[in-house]
N, C-alpha and C. Protein backbone atom coordinates (compact mmCIF):
# COMPACT_ATOMS: atom_id res chain seq x y z
N MET A 1 -113.29 16.21 67.75
CA MET A 1 -112.16 15.67 67.03
C MET A 1 -111.95 16.49 65.77
N CYS A 2 -110.70 16.62 65.36
CA CYS A 2 -110.40 17.34 64.13
C CYS A 2 -109.61 16.42 63.20
N CYS A 3 -109.50 16.84 61.95
CA CYS A 3 -108.71 16.09 60.98
C CYS A 3 -107.99 17.08 60.08
N TYR A 4 -107.05 16.58 59.32
CA TYR A 4 -106.28 17.39 58.39
C TYR A 4 -106.64 16.93 56.99
N ALA A 5 -107.16 17.82 56.16
CA ALA A 5 -107.51 17.49 54.79
C ALA A 5 -106.49 18.14 53.86
N ARG A 6 -106.07 17.38 52.87
CA ARG A 6 -105.05 17.87 51.94
C ARG A 6 -105.35 17.31 50.56
N GLY A 7 -104.95 18.05 49.54
CA GLY A 7 -105.11 17.56 48.17
C GLY A 7 -104.24 16.35 47.91
N ASP A 8 -104.73 15.45 47.09
CA ASP A 8 -103.98 14.23 46.82
C ASP A 8 -102.83 14.42 45.84
N ASP A 9 -102.55 15.68 45.47
CA ASP A 9 -101.42 15.95 44.59
C ASP A 9 -100.10 16.11 45.35
N MET A 10 -100.14 16.09 46.68
CA MET A 10 -98.91 16.21 47.47
C MET A 10 -99.01 15.29 48.68
N LEU A 11 -98.84 14.00 48.44
CA LEU A 11 -98.98 13.02 49.52
C LEU A 11 -97.88 13.14 50.56
N GLU A 12 -96.69 13.50 50.14
CA GLU A 12 -95.56 13.62 51.07
C GLU A 12 -95.34 15.07 51.46
N PHE A 13 -96.33 15.67 52.10
CA PHE A 13 -96.24 17.07 52.50
C PHE A 13 -95.32 17.24 53.71
N PRO A 14 -94.76 18.45 53.91
CA PRO A 14 -93.88 18.70 55.06
C PRO A 14 -94.60 18.41 56.38
N SER A 15 -93.93 17.78 57.28
CA SER A 15 -94.43 17.46 58.63
C SER A 15 -95.56 16.43 58.65
N ARG A 16 -95.70 15.66 57.59
CA ARG A 16 -96.78 14.66 57.54
C ARG A 16 -96.71 13.70 58.73
N GLU A 17 -95.51 13.23 59.05
CA GLU A 17 -95.36 12.28 60.15
C GLU A 17 -95.92 12.85 61.45
N TRP A 18 -95.58 14.11 61.74
CA TRP A 18 -96.08 14.73 62.97
C TRP A 18 -97.60 14.91 62.93
N VAL A 19 -98.11 15.43 61.80
CA VAL A 19 -99.55 15.65 61.69
C VAL A 19 -100.30 14.35 61.91
N GLU A 20 -99.83 13.26 61.31
CA GLU A 20 -100.50 11.97 61.48
C GLU A 20 -100.43 11.46 62.92
N SER A 21 -99.45 11.94 63.68
CA SER A 21 -99.34 11.51 65.07
C SER A 21 -100.37 12.18 65.98
N VAL A 22 -100.95 13.29 65.52
CA VAL A 22 -101.90 14.02 66.37
C VAL A 22 -103.33 14.06 65.83
N MET A 23 -103.52 13.68 64.57
CA MET A 23 -104.88 13.68 64.00
C MET A 23 -104.90 12.85 62.73
N PRO A 24 -106.09 12.40 62.33
CA PRO A 24 -106.19 11.66 61.07
C PRO A 24 -105.97 12.59 59.88
N VAL A 25 -105.36 12.06 58.82
CA VAL A 25 -105.11 12.81 57.60
C VAL A 25 -105.98 12.20 56.49
N HIS A 26 -106.68 13.06 55.76
CA HIS A 26 -107.53 12.61 54.66
C HIS A 26 -107.11 13.35 53.40
N PHE A 27 -106.88 12.60 52.33
CA PHE A 27 -106.50 13.20 51.05
C PHE A 27 -107.73 13.29 50.15
N LEU A 28 -107.93 14.47 49.60
CA LEU A 28 -109.07 14.73 48.73
C LEU A 28 -108.57 14.99 47.31
N PRO A 29 -109.39 14.71 46.32
CA PRO A 29 -108.97 15.00 44.94
C PRO A 29 -108.72 16.50 44.77
N ARG A 30 -107.58 16.83 44.20
CA ARG A 30 -107.26 18.22 43.92
C ARG A 30 -108.05 18.64 42.68
N THR A 31 -108.58 19.83 42.71
CA THR A 31 -109.32 20.34 41.56
C THR A 31 -108.68 21.62 41.06
N GLU A 32 -108.97 21.98 39.84
CA GLU A 32 -108.42 23.21 39.27
C GLU A 32 -108.96 24.45 39.96
N SER A 33 -110.13 24.35 40.55
CA SER A 33 -110.74 25.54 41.14
C SER A 33 -110.28 25.81 42.57
N CYS A 34 -109.50 24.92 43.14
CA CYS A 34 -109.06 25.13 44.52
C CYS A 34 -107.70 24.48 44.74
N SER A 35 -106.83 25.17 45.42
CA SER A 35 -105.52 24.61 45.75
C SER A 35 -105.16 25.05 47.16
N SER A 36 -104.28 24.33 47.80
CA SER A 36 -103.87 24.72 49.15
C SER A 36 -103.18 26.08 49.13
N SER A 37 -102.47 26.38 48.04
CA SER A 37 -101.83 27.70 47.93
C SER A 37 -102.87 28.81 47.92
N LEU A 38 -103.94 28.61 47.17
CA LEU A 38 -105.00 29.60 47.11
C LEU A 38 -105.61 29.82 48.48
N ILE A 39 -105.93 28.75 49.16
CA ILE A 39 -106.54 28.85 50.49
C ILE A 39 -105.58 29.50 51.48
N ARG A 40 -104.30 29.14 51.42
CA ARG A 40 -103.31 29.70 52.34
C ARG A 40 -103.22 31.22 52.17
N VAL A 41 -103.15 31.69 50.94
CA VAL A 41 -103.08 33.13 50.70
C VAL A 41 -104.38 33.80 51.13
N LEU A 42 -105.49 33.19 50.78
CA LEU A 42 -106.80 33.77 51.09
C LEU A 42 -107.00 34.00 52.58
N TYR A 43 -106.55 33.06 53.39
CA TYR A 43 -106.80 33.15 54.83
C TYR A 43 -105.63 33.65 55.66
N HIS A 44 -104.41 33.65 55.11
CA HIS A 44 -103.26 33.97 55.96
C HIS A 44 -102.33 35.06 55.45
N ASP A 45 -102.56 35.61 54.28
CA ASP A 45 -101.67 36.65 53.79
C ASP A 45 -101.81 37.89 54.66
N ASP A 46 -100.70 38.58 54.90
CA ASP A 46 -100.70 39.77 55.75
C ASP A 46 -101.41 40.96 55.12
N SER A 47 -101.55 40.96 53.81
CA SER A 47 -102.14 42.10 53.10
C SER A 47 -103.63 41.88 52.84
N ALA A 48 -104.45 42.75 53.40
CA ALA A 48 -105.90 42.67 53.17
C ALA A 48 -106.20 42.88 51.69
N GLU A 49 -105.43 43.73 51.03
CA GLU A 49 -105.64 43.99 49.61
C GLU A 49 -105.37 42.73 48.78
N THR A 50 -104.28 42.03 49.10
CA THR A 50 -103.97 40.79 48.39
C THR A 50 -105.04 39.74 48.64
N ARG A 51 -105.48 39.61 49.89
CA ARG A 51 -106.53 38.63 50.20
C ARG A 51 -107.80 38.91 49.41
N GLU A 52 -108.17 40.19 49.30
CA GLU A 52 -109.37 40.54 48.55
C GLU A 52 -109.21 40.24 47.06
N LYS A 53 -108.04 40.58 46.50
CA LYS A 53 -107.79 40.28 45.09
C LYS A 53 -107.90 38.78 44.83
N VAL A 54 -107.29 37.99 45.70
CA VAL A 54 -107.30 36.54 45.55
C VAL A 54 -108.72 35.99 45.67
N ALA A 55 -109.48 36.52 46.61
CA ALA A 55 -110.84 36.03 46.85
C ALA A 55 -111.73 36.18 45.62
N PHE A 56 -111.51 37.22 44.83
CA PHE A 56 -112.37 37.48 43.69
C PHE A 56 -111.69 37.25 42.34
N SER A 57 -110.55 36.58 42.37
CA SER A 57 -109.80 36.34 41.14
C SER A 57 -110.24 35.05 40.46
N THR A 58 -109.85 34.93 39.22
CA THR A 58 -109.98 33.64 38.55
C THR A 58 -108.70 32.87 38.83
N THR A 59 -108.70 31.59 38.54
CA THR A 59 -107.50 30.78 38.78
C THR A 59 -107.02 30.18 37.47
N ARG A 60 -105.73 29.87 37.44
CA ARG A 60 -105.19 29.23 36.25
C ARG A 60 -105.31 27.71 36.40
N TYR A 61 -104.72 26.96 35.48
CA TYR A 61 -104.87 25.50 35.42
C TYR A 61 -104.54 24.78 36.72
N ASP A 62 -103.65 25.35 37.55
CA ASP A 62 -103.22 24.67 38.77
C ASP A 62 -103.89 25.23 40.03
N GLY A 63 -104.90 26.07 39.86
CA GLY A 63 -105.64 26.61 41.00
C GLY A 63 -105.08 27.87 41.59
N LYS A 64 -103.97 28.39 41.05
CA LYS A 64 -103.37 29.60 41.60
C LYS A 64 -104.09 30.83 41.05
N PRO A 65 -104.28 31.86 41.89
CA PRO A 65 -105.04 33.04 41.47
C PRO A 65 -104.26 33.93 40.51
N VAL A 66 -104.96 34.40 39.47
CA VAL A 66 -104.33 35.26 38.47
C VAL A 66 -105.14 36.54 38.30
N ASP A 67 -104.45 37.58 37.80
CA ASP A 67 -105.12 38.85 37.53
C ASP A 67 -105.77 38.80 36.15
N GLU A 68 -106.28 39.94 35.69
CA GLU A 68 -106.99 40.01 34.42
C GLU A 68 -106.14 39.61 33.23
N SER A 69 -104.80 39.78 33.33
CA SER A 69 -103.91 39.43 32.22
C SER A 69 -103.39 38.00 32.31
N GLY A 70 -103.81 37.26 33.33
CA GLY A 70 -103.37 35.87 33.47
C GLY A 70 -102.10 35.69 34.28
N GLU A 71 -101.59 36.79 34.85
CA GLU A 71 -100.38 36.72 35.67
C GLU A 71 -100.74 36.40 37.12
N LEU A 72 -99.85 35.67 37.81
CA LEU A 72 -100.08 35.42 39.23
C LEU A 72 -100.22 36.75 39.95
N ILE A 73 -101.10 36.81 40.90
CA ILE A 73 -101.34 38.06 41.63
C ILE A 73 -100.10 38.44 42.42
N LYS A 74 -99.62 39.65 42.19
CA LYS A 74 -98.41 40.13 42.88
C LYS A 74 -98.66 40.22 44.38
N GLY A 75 -97.64 39.91 45.16
CA GLY A 75 -97.78 39.92 46.60
C GLY A 75 -98.21 38.56 47.13
N ALA A 76 -98.65 37.70 46.25
CA ALA A 76 -99.09 36.36 46.66
C ALA A 76 -98.19 35.30 46.06
N ARG A 77 -96.95 35.69 45.71
CA ARG A 77 -96.06 34.70 45.13
C ARG A 77 -94.63 34.92 45.58
N LYS A 78 -93.87 33.85 45.54
CA LYS A 78 -92.44 33.92 45.80
C LYS A 78 -91.75 34.00 44.44
N GLU A 79 -90.45 34.22 44.44
CA GLU A 79 -89.73 34.33 43.19
C GLU A 79 -89.77 33.05 42.37
N ASP A 80 -89.95 31.91 43.01
CA ASP A 80 -89.98 30.65 42.26
C ASP A 80 -91.36 30.36 41.67
N ASP A 81 -92.26 31.37 41.68
CA ASP A 81 -93.56 31.28 41.05
C ASP A 81 -94.57 30.45 41.83
N THR A 82 -94.28 30.14 43.09
CA THR A 82 -95.27 29.44 43.90
C THR A 82 -95.88 30.42 44.88
N LEU A 83 -97.11 30.19 45.24
CA LEU A 83 -97.79 31.07 46.18
C LEU A 83 -97.36 30.78 47.59
N THR A 84 -97.44 31.78 48.42
CA THR A 84 -97.13 31.61 49.83
C THR A 84 -97.88 32.65 50.63
N ALA A 85 -98.12 32.39 51.86
CA ALA A 85 -98.70 33.40 52.73
C ALA A 85 -97.65 34.47 52.95
N GLY A 86 -98.06 35.71 53.14
CA GLY A 86 -97.14 36.83 53.24
C GLY A 86 -96.09 36.70 54.32
N ARG A 87 -96.37 36.01 55.39
CA ARG A 87 -95.41 35.96 56.48
C ARG A 87 -94.52 34.73 56.46
N TYR A 88 -94.70 33.84 55.52
CA TYR A 88 -93.92 32.61 55.51
C TYR A 88 -92.73 32.71 54.60
């Protein structure tokens, strides 16, 4: 059996109704050191270089990976300042 784990900062996530129809959903406390955006980029970004940068980066207050100057890592963000996997 499998389940879907998600941070409790986004209870109404896209496709929740469908996900709940096929598996149990568990909400976990969101922490500053981890976010779904960070995990998504780390495991699904098309660029190996971006994945490596993200894996060894520090994160800002919301869990998003930043470079040495505190800027979001380039290639791991959309124009609206949110992270996304490279192919999405």
